[in-house]
Amino acid sequence: MILIADSGSTKTEWVAVSNDGVACSLKTSGINPVYQTTDEILADIKENVLPTFASLAITKVFFYGAGCLPEKVDGVVGAIVHCFPNASVSVQTDLVGAAVALCGDTPGIACILGTGSNSCFWDGKSIAKNVSPLGFILGDEGSGAVLGKLLVSDILKNQLSEAVTKKFFDEFGFTASDIINKVYRQPFPNRFLASLTRFMGENREEVEIRNIIVANFVLFIKRNVMQYDYQRYPVNFIGSIAFYFKDMLEEAAVVTGITVGTIIQSPIDGLVKFHSKNR
């Protein structure tokens, strides 16, 4: 039995796969070692994941996660091994997971647009080139966290119409102080900011909202995708932001002259297919 996990900053999908197919699956909150200690990750897995899979004979775990940088991998491996001591454990970045799900063993450009953003050129076996995403403060163009940041920044600096601003405050009930507190003083500000994209989706026909989204997608393409061989390879996207704002992503693609390939919401089905084929 193998256990496959895809973890973004907001949610983690876990799927146990046997020779006969998917045995069971589970969704939990996101795991990100950039924002969480090893002890916090361990506690999360023990409390929320282990009860579902403890009775299964898990022999391999493939974990693909946001924030799984080389210096963070050992901590994640340790937490998983503690919970599944009889399993071999592989921990790689969510970008590798996205590339495997989107491209398989074929070269191509793979991009993540979810709570955070990332991109790479995948040579069919590994990441051959990657433009560092830099996180939502310095980078992460096109991500939910950055779109949310741009939205509240424009609202608090009176850059949006009174109607849109009033609708925002009426829906969420925030004060300006609440927003500042959530962004600067509370844990996981990226999750909070990304959660605001629901409002952007509900008001996607407002020209000023649409302009924020399309302009930031264009920025993502120019600052990241255009550093790869985009004229030769189609550009594939994965993640909730890419999926739910597909029309605006395609509009940004026309503006920048890239060719869009596949756009899917989650990599988990592709990862299950890949690892089932390569057991």
Protein backbone atom coordinates (compact mmCIF):
# COMPACT_ATOMS: atom_id res chain seq x y z
CA MET A 1 0.00 0.00 0.00
CA ILE A 2 1.36 3.44 -0.91
CA LEU A 3 0.28 6.78 0.55
CA ILE A 4 0.43 9.87 -1.65
CA ALA A 5 0.05 13.40 -0.32
CA ASP A 6 -0.16 16.72 -2.11
CA SER A 7 0.13 19.66 0.26
CA GLY A 8 -0.28 23.34 -0.48
CA SER A 9 -0.26 26.08 2.10
CA THR A 10 -4.03 25.80 2.58
CA LYS A 11 -4.93 22.12 2.25
CA THR A 12 -3.39 18.64 1.98
CA GLU A 13 -4.91 15.75 0.03
CA TRP A 14 -3.95 12.22 1.15
CA VAL A 15 -4.70 9.11 -0.92
CA ALA A 16 -3.85 5.50 -0.04
CA VAL A 17 -3.46 3.29 -3.10
CA SER A 18 -3.32 -0.51 -3.25
CA ASN A 19 -2.84 -2.81 -6.22
CA ASP A 20 -6.61 -2.68 -6.69
CA GLY A 21 -6.82 1.11 -6.78
CA VAL A 22 -7.63 3.87 -4.28
CA ALA A 23 -8.30 2.43 -0.83
CA CYS A 24 -9.23 5.67 0.96
CA SER A 25 -8.60 9.40 0.87
CA LEU A 26 -8.58 12.37 3.22
CA LYS A 27 -8.30 16.15 3.15
CA THR A 28 -6.60 18.08 5.95
CA SER A 29 -5.20 21.57 6.43
CA GLY A 30 -2.03 22.55 4.60
CA ILE A 31 1.42 21.56 5.84
CA ASN A 32 4.25 23.98 5.15
CA PRO A 33 7.61 23.63 6.95
CA VAL A 34 8.46 27.25 6.19
CA TYR A 35 5.68 28.29 8.58
CA GLN A 36 5.50 25.23 10.86
CA THR A 37 8.03 23.49 13.10
CA THR A 38 8.68 19.76 12.86
CA ASP A 39 6.82 19.25 16.15
CA GLU A 40 3.78 21.11 14.79
CA ILE A 41 3.80 19.02 11.62
CA LEU A 42 4.14 15.82 13.64
CA ALA A 43 1.24 16.79 15.90
CA ASP A 44 -0.90 17.62 12.87
CA ILE A 45 -0.22 14.26 11.16
CA LYS A 46 -0.73 12.26 14.39
CA GLU A 47 -4.03 13.94 15.17
CA ASN A 48 -5.58 14.42 11.74
CA VAL A 49 -3.99 11.88 9.36
CA LEU A 50 -2.84 8.79 11.28
CA PRO A 51 -6.32 7.74 12.54
CA THR A 52 -7.52 7.30 8.94
CA PHE A 53 -4.55 5.30 7.66
CA ALA A 54 -3.13 3.57 10.77
CA SER A 55 -4.86 0.28 10.03
CA LEU A 56 -3.42 0.08 6.49
CA ALA A 57 -0.09 -1.56 5.67
CA ILE A 58 1.59 1.58 4.32
CA THR A 59 5.00 0.65 2.85
CA LYS A 60 5.76 3.83 0.89
CA VAL A 61 4.85 7.49 1.38
CA PHE A 62 5.25 10.06 -1.38
CA PHE A 63 4.76 13.56 0.02
CA TYR A 64 4.77 16.62 -2.27
CA GLY A 65 4.55 19.86 -0.33
CA ALA A 66 4.79 23.63 -0.45
CA GLY A 67 7.84 24.88 1.41
CA CYS A 68 9.67 21.53 1.21
CA LEU A 69 13.02 23.16 0.51
CA PRO A 70 16.21 21.05 0.85
CA GLU A 71 16.90 22.41 4.32
CA LYS A 72 13.32 21.63 5.43
CA VAL A 73 12.93 18.12 4.03
CA ASP A 74 14.49 16.22 6.97
CA GLY A 75 11.96 17.66 9.39
CA VAL A 76 9.01 16.60 7.25
CA VAL A 77 10.52 13.15 6.65
CA GLY A 78 11.03 12.73 10.39
CA ALA A 79 7.44 13.63 11.19
CA ILE A 80 6.07 11.18 8.61
CA VAL A 81 8.44 8.36 9.61
CA HIS A 82 7.39 8.79 13.24
CA CYS A 83 3.78 8.13 12.21
CA PHE A 84 4.50 5.46 9.57
CA PRO A 85 7.66 3.71 10.88
CA ASN A 86 7.45 0.79 8.45
CA ALA A 87 7.31 2.94 5.33
CA SER A 88 10.01 4.41 3.10
CA VAL A 89 9.38 8.13 2.76
CA SER A 90 10.02 10.47 -0.16
CA VAL A 91 9.45 14.21 0.37
CA GLN A 92 9.66 16.59 -2.57
CA THR A 93 8.35 20.04 -3.38
CA ASP A 94 4.81 20.65 -4.53
CA LEU A 95 6.36 21.92 -7.76
CA VAL A 96 7.73 18.44 -8.52
CA GLY A 97 4.27 17.07 -7.78
CA ALA A 98 2.68 19.59 -10.13
CA ALA A 99 5.18 18.81 -12.90
CA VAL A 100 4.64 15.06 -12.55
CA ALA A 101 0.87 15.50 -12.61
CA LEU A 102 0.89 17.92 -15.56
CA CYS A 103 3.71 16.53 -17.69
CA GLY A 104 4.47 13.01 -16.52
CA ASP A 105 7.64 11.88 -18.30
CA THR A 106 7.28 14.49 -21.07
CA PRO A 107 9.22 17.81 -21.05
CA GLY A 108 7.13 20.92 -20.47
CA ILE A 109 6.50 24.07 -18.45
CA ALA A 110 4.58 23.53 -15.22
CA CYS A 111 3.11 26.30 -13.07
CA ILE A 112 1.30 26.43 -9.73
CA LEU A 113 -1.26 29.16 -9.05
CA GLY A 114 -2.81 28.44 -5.66
CA THR A 115 -2.33 30.09 -2.28
CA GLY A 116 1.25 30.59 -3.50
CA SER A 117 2.74 30.40 -6.99
CA ASN A 118 5.70 28.66 -8.58
CA SER A 119 6.91 27.48 -11.98
CA CYS A 120 9.55 25.37 -13.67
CA PHE A 121 10.77 23.75 -16.84
CA TRP A 122 10.41 19.97 -16.39
CA ASP A 123 12.71 17.83 -18.55
CA GLY A 124 10.60 14.71 -18.10
CA LYS A 125 12.51 13.45 -15.06
CA SER A 126 13.37 16.43 -12.92
CA ILE A 127 13.19 20.21 -12.65
CA ALA A 128 15.74 21.57 -15.12
CA LYS A 129 15.08 25.26 -14.40
CA ASN A 130 13.16 27.14 -11.73
CA VAL A 131 12.60 30.84 -11.17
CA SER A 132 12.41 31.31 -7.41
CA PRO A 133 8.86 32.29 -6.36
CA LEU A 134 10.19 34.28 -3.33
CA GLY A 135 6.94 34.08 -1.33
CA PHE A 136 4.02 36.49 -1.20
CA ILE A 137 6.03 39.44 0.14
CA LEU A 138 8.72 39.52 -2.56
CA GLY A 139 7.10 37.45 -5.30
CA ASP A 140 4.37 34.81 -5.73
CA GLU A 141 2.83 36.79 -8.57
CA GLY A 142 -0.53 35.39 -9.65
CA SER A 143 -1.11 33.57 -6.35
CA GLY A 144 -4.16 33.79 -4.13
CA ALA A 145 -2.11 35.42 -1.37
CA VAL A 146 -0.88 38.19 -3.68
CA LEU A 147 -4.29 38.74 -5.27
CA GLY A 148 -5.77 39.08 -1.78
CA LYS A 149 -2.95 41.42 -0.79
CA LEU A 150 -3.59 43.63 -3.82
CA LEU A 151 -7.32 43.64 -3.11
CA VAL A 152 -7.08 44.80 0.51
CA SER A 153 -4.30 47.23 -0.32
CA ASP A 154 -6.48 48.90 -2.94
CA ILE A 155 -9.47 48.93 -0.60
CA LEU A 156 -7.57 50.42 2.33
CA LYS A 157 -5.93 53.04 0.09
CA ASN A 158 -9.29 54.03 -1.46
CA GLN A 159 -8.36 52.83 -4.95
CA LEU A 160 -11.58 50.91 -5.60
CA SER A 161 -15.12 52.19 -6.04
CA GLU A 162 -17.26 52.93 -3.00
CA ALA A 163 -19.69 50.22 -4.09
CA VAL A 164 -17.05 47.47 -4.21
CA THR A 165 -15.45 48.68 -0.97
CA LYS A 166 -18.78 48.70 0.85
CA LYS A 167 -19.63 45.24 -0.47
CA PHE A 168 -16.29 43.92 0.80
CA PHE A 169 -16.70 45.27 4.34
CA ASP A 170 -20.36 44.21 4.47
CA GLU A 171 -19.50 40.65 3.47
CA PHE A 172 -16.54 40.08 5.78
CA GLY A 173 -17.31 42.43 8.66
CA PHE A 174 -13.64 43.39 8.98
CA THR A 175 -12.34 46.73 10.13
CA ALA A 176 -9.08 48.10 8.74
CA SER A 177 -7.47 47.21 12.10
CA ASP A 178 -8.71 43.62 11.78
CA ILE A 179 -7.01 43.27 8.41
CA ILE A 180 -3.73 44.75 9.66
CA ASN A 181 -3.80 42.40 12.64
CA LYS A 182 -4.46 39.30 10.50
CA VAL A 183 -1.70 40.18 8.02
CA TYR A 184 1.03 41.36 10.40
CA ARG A 185 0.34 39.66 13.74
CA GLN A 186 -1.54 36.40 13.16
CA PRO A 187 -0.11 33.10 11.84
CA PHE A 188 -0.53 32.12 8.18
CA PRO A 189 -1.24 35.57 6.71
CA ASN A 190 -0.91 33.97 3.26
CA ARG A 191 -3.94 31.78 3.96
CA PHE A 192 -5.95 34.75 5.16
CA LEU A 193 -5.10 36.82 2.09
CA ALA A 194 -5.80 33.92 -0.26
CA SER A 195 -9.21 33.39 1.36
CA LEU A 196 -10.21 36.85 0.10
CA THR A 197 -10.09 35.64 -3.50
CA ARG A 198 -13.54 34.18 -2.90
CA PHE A 199 -14.81 37.77 -2.91
CA MET A 200 -12.89 38.42 -6.12
CA GLY A 201 -14.50 35.37 -7.71
CA GLU A 202 -17.98 36.46 -6.64
CA ASN A 203 -17.34 39.92 -8.11
CA ARG A 204 -15.28 38.88 -11.13
CA GLU A 205 -17.43 40.92 -13.51
CA GLU A 206 -16.48 44.16 -11.77
CA VAL A 207 -13.98 45.75 -14.15
CA GLU A 208 -11.64 46.90 -11.36
CA ILE A 209 -11.53 43.40 -9.83
CA ARG A 210 -10.95 41.79 -13.21
CA ASN A 211 -8.16 44.25 -13.95
CA ILE A 212 -6.32 43.33 -10.73
CA ILE A 213 -6.47 39.63 -11.57
CA VAL A 214 -5.51 39.86 -15.25
CA ALA A 215 -2.68 42.34 -14.57
CA ASN A 216 -1.19 40.08 -11.90
CA PHE A 217 -1.42 37.03 -14.15
CA VAL A 218 0.42 39.01 -16.82
CA LEU A 219 3.06 39.86 -14.22
CA PHE A 220 3.41 36.19 -13.27
CA ILE A 221 3.97 35.24 -16.90
CA LYS A 222 6.45 38.03 -17.61
CA ARG A 223 8.52 37.59 -14.45
CA ASN A 224 8.49 33.78 -14.40
CA VAL A 225 7.19 31.89 -17.44
CA MET A 226 9.06 33.98 -19.97
CA GLN A 227 12.37 32.82 -18.50
CA TYR A 228 11.65 29.35 -19.91
CA ASP A 229 11.36 28.23 -23.54
CA TYR A 230 7.70 29.27 -23.72
CA GLN A 231 7.78 29.68 -27.51
CA ARG A 232 8.56 25.98 -27.93
CA TYR A 233 6.52 24.44 -25.12
CA PRO A 234 2.92 25.01 -23.98
CA VAL A 235 2.49 26.32 -20.45
CA ASN A 236 0.52 24.10 -18.05
CA PHE A 237 -1.16 25.28 -14.86
CA ILE A 238 -2.38 23.67 -11.67
CA GLY A 239 -4.09 25.09 -8.60
CA SER A 240 -7.37 26.62 -7.46
CA ILE A 241 -6.54 30.14 -8.65
CA ALA A 242 -5.61 28.94 -12.15
CA PHE A 243 -8.70 26.74 -12.28
CA TYR A 244 -11.35 29.17 -11.01
CA PHE A 245 -9.95 32.19 -12.87
CA LYS A 246 -9.21 30.22 -16.05
CA ASP A 247 -10.84 32.79 -18.34
CA MET A 248 -8.69 35.61 -16.99
CA LEU A 249 -5.57 33.44 -17.10
CA GLU A 250 -6.26 32.75 -20.78
CA GLU A 251 -6.76 36.49 -21.33
CA ALA A 252 -3.34 37.15 -19.79
CA ALA A 253 -1.89 34.43 -22.05
CA VAL A 254 -3.19 36.24 -25.13
CA VAL A 255 -1.68 39.52 -23.90
CA THR A 256 1.74 37.92 -23.36
CA GLY A 257 1.73 35.55 -26.32
CA ILE A 258 2.13 32.24 -24.47
CA THR A 259 0.30 29.03 -25.40
CA VAL A 260 -1.73 27.52 -22.56
CA GLY A 261 -1.75 23.73 -22.30
CA THR A 262 -3.53 21.95 -19.44
CA ILE A 263 -5.27 23.75 -16.56
CA ILE A 264 -6.36 21.54 -13.65
CA GLN A 265 -7.35 22.23 -10.07
CA SER A 266 -5.41 19.54 -8.21
CA PRO A 267 -2.45 17.26 -8.97
CA ILE A 268 -3.62 14.35 -6.84
CA ASP A 269 -5.31 12.36 -9.63
CA GLY A 270 -2.23 12.69 -11.82
CA LEU A 271 0.06 11.66 -8.96
CA VAL A 272 -2.07 8.60 -8.20
CA LYS A 273 -1.99 7.61 -11.86
CA PHE A 274 1.79 8.13 -12.09
CA HIS A 275 2.69 6.19 -8.95
CA SER A 276 0.20 3.42 -9.70
CA LYS A 277 1.85 2.96 -13.09
CA ASN A 278 5.35 3.06 -11.60
CA ARG A 279 4.83 0.95 -8.46
